[in-house]
Amino acid sequence: MLRHEFRPGRAVVGIVMLAVAGGYAADAAGTWSVPWTFFLPLFLGGLGLAAAVTWLSYRLRRRREAGRPGPKERPSGRSAPAP
């Protein structure tokens, strides 16, 4: 199984979109009666939260990778031979 990088911003967007879709479905079914303007701040707030989480994870990833030697550097400080 291929592994991939975890993207927490996308997870937040998915959760928010599921909440908005669930709210619309409950409103359409008649089990929950709210005005449509309730969902707009929920949607925009979720996008803002996802942007903040994405930015934070980007900064943490860059900070973590700054201490590691790059693919062309060896731990001794010498660069790798050219292919």
N, C-alpha and C. Protein backbone atom coordinates (compact mmCIF):
# COMPACT_ATOMS: atom_id res chain seq x y z
N MET A 1 0.85 -1.18 0.00
CA MET A 1 0.00 0.00 0.00
C MET A 1 0.89 1.24 0.00
N LEU A 2 0.58 2.14 -0.89
CA LEU A 2 1.36 3.37 -0.96
C LEU A 2 1.01 4.29 0.18
N ARG A 3 2.02 4.89 0.75
CA ARG A 3 1.79 5.86 1.83
C ARG A 3 1.86 7.24 1.23
N HIS A 4 1.15 8.14 1.82
CA HIS A 4 1.15 9.51 1.34
C HIS A 4 1.20 10.46 2.52
N GLU A 5 1.45 11.69 2.20
CA GLU A 5 1.57 12.71 3.23
C GLU A 5 0.18 13.09 3.76
N PHE A 6 0.06 13.22 5.06
CA PHE A 6 -1.21 13.61 5.66
C PHE A 6 -1.41 15.11 5.49
N ARG A 7 -2.57 15.49 5.02
CA ARG A 7 -2.90 16.91 4.82
C ARG A 7 -4.08 17.26 5.74
N PRO A 8 -3.79 17.84 6.91
CA PRO A 8 -4.87 18.11 7.86
C PRO A 8 -5.86 19.17 7.39
N GLY A 9 -5.43 20.09 6.55
CA GLY A 9 -6.35 21.11 6.03
C GLY A 9 -7.46 20.49 5.20
N ARG A 10 -7.10 19.50 4.42
CA ARG A 10 -8.12 18.81 3.60
C ARG A 10 -9.08 18.03 4.48
N ALA A 11 -8.57 17.48 5.56
CA ALA A 11 -9.45 16.76 6.49
C ALA A 11 -10.45 17.72 7.13
N VAL A 12 -9.99 18.91 7.50
CA VAL A 12 -10.90 19.90 8.10
C VAL A 12 -11.96 20.32 7.09
N VAL A 13 -11.56 20.57 5.85
CA VAL A 13 -12.53 20.94 4.81
C VAL A 13 -13.56 19.83 4.62
N GLY A 14 -13.12 18.58 4.61
CA GLY A 14 -14.04 17.46 4.46
C GLY A 14 -15.04 17.38 5.59
N ILE A 15 -14.58 17.58 6.81
CA ILE A 15 -15.49 17.54 7.96
C ILE A 15 -16.50 18.67 7.90
N VAL A 16 -16.03 19.87 7.54
CA VAL A 16 -16.94 21.02 7.46
C VAL A 16 -17.97 20.81 6.34
N MET A 17 -17.53 20.30 5.21
CA MET A 17 -18.47 20.08 4.11
C MET A 17 -19.50 19.00 4.47
N LEU A 18 -19.07 17.98 5.20
CA LEU A 18 -20.03 16.97 5.66
C LEU A 18 -21.05 17.58 6.63
N ALA A 19 -20.59 18.49 7.48
CA ALA A 19 -21.51 19.16 8.41
C ALA A 19 -22.51 20.03 7.65
N VAL A 20 -22.03 20.77 6.66
CA VAL A 20 -22.93 21.62 5.87
C VAL A 20 -23.92 20.76 5.08
N ALA A 21 -23.43 19.68 4.48
CA ALA A 21 -24.33 18.80 3.73
C ALA A 21 -25.35 18.14 4.65
N GLY A 22 -24.93 17.74 5.83
CA GLY A 22 -25.87 17.16 6.79
C GLY A 22 -26.92 18.16 7.23
N GLY A 23 -26.52 19.40 7.43
CA GLY A 23 -27.48 20.45 7.79
C GLY A 23 -28.48 20.71 6.69
N TYR A 24 -28.00 20.76 5.45
CA TYR A 24 -28.93 20.95 4.33
C TYR A 24 -29.87 19.76 4.18
N ALA A 25 -29.34 18.54 4.38
CA ALA A 25 -30.20 17.36 4.28
C ALA A 25 -31.25 17.35 5.38
N ALA A 26 -30.86 17.74 6.59
CA ALA A 26 -31.83 17.79 7.69
C ALA A 26 -32.88 18.87 7.44
N ASP A 27 -32.45 19.99 6.85
CA ASP A 27 -33.40 21.05 6.52
C ASP A 27 -34.35 20.61 5.41
N ALA A 28 -33.82 19.91 4.42
CA ALA A 28 -34.65 19.44 3.32
C ALA A 28 -35.64 18.37 3.79
N ALA A 29 -35.24 17.56 4.74
CA ALA A 29 -36.12 16.51 5.25
C ALA A 29 -37.17 17.06 6.20
N GLY A 30 -36.97 18.29 6.67
CA GLY A 30 -37.94 18.91 7.56
C GLY A 30 -37.70 18.63 9.03
N THR A 31 -36.59 17.97 9.36
CA THR A 31 -36.30 17.68 10.76
C THR A 31 -35.61 18.84 11.47
N TRP A 32 -35.07 19.78 10.68
CA TRP A 32 -34.38 20.92 11.26
C TRP A 32 -34.70 22.13 10.40
N SER A 33 -35.22 23.15 10.98
CA SER A 33 -35.62 24.33 10.21
C SER A 33 -34.72 25.51 10.57
N VAL A 34 -33.81 25.83 9.66
CA VAL A 34 -32.91 26.97 9.85
C VAL A 34 -32.88 27.77 8.55
N PRO A 35 -32.62 29.08 8.63
CA PRO A 35 -32.50 29.86 7.40
C PRO A 35 -31.21 29.50 6.66
N TRP A 36 -31.20 29.70 5.34
CA TRP A 36 -30.03 29.35 4.55
C TRP A 36 -28.82 30.20 4.94
N THR A 37 -29.05 31.38 5.52
CA THR A 37 -27.93 32.25 5.91
C THR A 37 -27.12 31.66 7.07
N PHE A 38 -27.65 30.69 7.76
CA PHE A 38 -26.90 30.01 8.82
C PHE A 38 -25.71 29.25 8.25
N PHE A 39 -25.86 28.70 7.06
CA PHE A 39 -24.82 27.86 6.48
C PHE A 39 -23.67 28.66 5.87
N LEU A 40 -23.91 29.88 5.48
CA LEU A 40 -22.85 30.69 4.87
C LEU A 40 -21.71 30.96 5.84
N PRO A 41 -21.95 31.44 7.07
CA PRO A 41 -20.83 31.61 8.00
C PRO A 41 -20.17 30.29 8.39
N LEU A 42 -20.93 29.23 8.46
CA LEU A 42 -20.36 27.92 8.76
C LEU A 42 -19.39 27.50 7.65
N PHE A 43 -19.79 27.69 6.42
CA PHE A 43 -18.96 27.36 5.27
C PHE A 43 -17.70 28.22 5.23
N LEU A 44 -17.86 29.53 5.35
CA LEU A 44 -16.71 30.44 5.28
C LEU A 44 -15.79 30.27 6.50
N GLY A 45 -16.38 30.07 7.66
CA GLY A 45 -15.56 29.81 8.84
C GLY A 45 -14.77 28.52 8.72
N GLY A 46 -15.38 27.51 8.13
CA GLY A 46 -14.68 26.25 7.91
C GLY A 46 -13.53 26.39 6.93
N LEU A 47 -13.74 27.18 5.88
CA LEU A 47 -12.65 27.42 4.94
C LEU A 47 -11.51 28.20 5.60
N GLY A 48 -11.87 29.17 6.42
CA GLY A 48 -10.84 29.92 7.14
C GLY A 48 -10.07 29.04 8.12
N LEU A 49 -10.78 28.18 8.82
CA LEU A 49 -10.13 27.25 9.74
C LEU A 49 -9.21 26.28 8.99
N ALA A 50 -9.66 25.81 7.84
CA ALA A 50 -8.84 24.91 7.03
C ALA A 50 -7.59 25.62 6.53
N ALA A 51 -7.72 26.88 6.15
CA ALA A 51 -6.55 27.65 5.71
C ALA A 51 -5.56 27.81 6.85
N ALA A 52 -6.05 28.08 8.05
CA ALA A 52 -5.17 28.24 9.20
C ALA A 52 -4.46 26.92 9.53
N VAL A 53 -5.19 25.81 9.48
CA VAL A 53 -4.60 24.51 9.77
C VAL A 53 -3.56 24.15 8.70
N THR A 54 -3.85 24.45 7.44
CA THR A 54 -2.91 24.19 6.36
C THR A 54 -1.64 25.00 6.54
N TRP A 55 -1.79 26.28 6.88
CA TRP A 55 -0.62 27.13 7.08
C TRP A 55 0.22 26.63 8.25
N LEU A 56 -0.44 26.24 9.34
CA LEU A 56 0.28 25.75 10.51
C LEU A 56 1.02 24.46 10.20
N SER A 57 0.38 23.55 9.49
CA SER A 57 1.05 22.29 9.16
C SER A 57 2.21 22.53 8.19
N TYR A 58 2.07 23.48 7.29
CA TYR A 58 3.15 23.83 6.37
C TYR A 58 4.35 24.36 7.15
N ARG A 59 4.10 25.26 8.10
CA ARG A 59 5.18 25.84 8.89
C ARG A 59 5.87 24.76 9.74
N LEU A 60 5.10 23.87 10.34
CA LEU A 60 5.69 22.80 11.15
C LEU A 60 6.50 21.83 10.28
N ARG A 61 6.00 21.52 9.09
CA ARG A 61 6.72 20.62 8.19
C ARG A 61 8.04 21.25 7.75
N ARG A 62 8.02 22.54 7.42
CA ARG A 62 9.25 23.22 7.01
C ARG A 62 10.24 23.28 8.16
N ARG A 63 9.75 23.52 9.36
CA ARG A 63 10.64 23.59 10.52
C ARG A 63 11.28 22.24 10.79
N ARG A 64 10.50 21.18 10.65
CA ARG A 64 11.01 19.83 10.88
C ARG A 64 12.03 19.45 9.81
N GLU A 65 11.77 19.83 8.55
CA GLU A 65 12.67 19.47 7.46
C GLU A 65 13.91 20.35 7.42
N ALA A 66 13.90 21.49 8.09
CA ALA A 66 15.07 22.37 8.07
C ALA A 66 16.25 21.73 8.79
N GLY A 67 16.00 20.89 9.75
CA GLY A 67 17.07 20.25 10.51
C GLY A 67 17.63 19.01 9.85
N ARG A 68 16.97 18.51 8.82
CA ARG A 68 17.41 17.29 8.15
C ARG A 68 18.32 17.63 6.98
N PRO A 69 19.30 16.78 6.70
CA PRO A 69 20.10 17.01 5.49
C PRO A 69 19.27 16.69 4.25
N GLY A 70 19.49 17.44 3.20
CA GLY A 70 18.75 17.25 1.96
C GLY A 70 19.16 15.99 1.23
N PRO A 71 18.50 15.68 0.12
CA PRO A 71 18.82 14.45 -0.61
C PRO A 71 20.21 14.49 -1.25
N LYS A 72 20.77 15.67 -1.52
CA LYS A 72 22.09 15.76 -2.14
C LYS A 72 23.18 15.99 -1.12
N GLU A 73 22.81 16.05 0.15
CA GLU A 73 23.81 16.22 1.20
C GLU A 73 23.95 14.94 1.99
N ARG A 74 25.15 14.70 2.42
CA ARG A 74 25.40 13.56 3.29
C ARG A 74 25.51 14.07 4.71
N PRO A 75 25.29 13.21 5.68
CA PRO A 75 25.40 13.65 7.07
C PRO A 75 26.75 14.25 7.43
N SER A 76 27.83 13.88 6.69
CA SER A 76 29.15 14.42 6.99
C SER A 76 29.30 15.86 6.49
N GLY A 77 28.36 16.35 5.72
CA GLY A 77 28.44 17.72 5.22
C GLY A 77 28.92 17.80 3.79
N ARG A 78 29.43 16.69 3.26
CA ARG A 78 29.89 16.70 1.87
C ARG A 78 28.70 16.44 0.95
N SER A 79 28.75 16.99 -0.23
CA SER A 79 27.66 16.74 -1.18
C SER A 79 27.88 15.41 -1.87
N ALA A 80 26.79 14.85 -2.37
CA ALA A 80 26.85 13.56 -3.03
C ALA A 80 27.48 13.73 -4.41
N PRO A 81 28.12 12.69 -4.92
CA PRO A 81 28.72 12.78 -6.26
C PRO A 81 27.62 12.92 -7.32
N ALA A 82 27.96 13.64 -8.37
CA ALA A 82 27.01 13.85 -9.47
C ALA A 82 26.80 12.53 -10.22
N PRO A 83 25.56 12.27 -10.66
CA PRO A 83 25.30 11.01 -11.38
C PRO A 83 25.89 11.01 -12.76
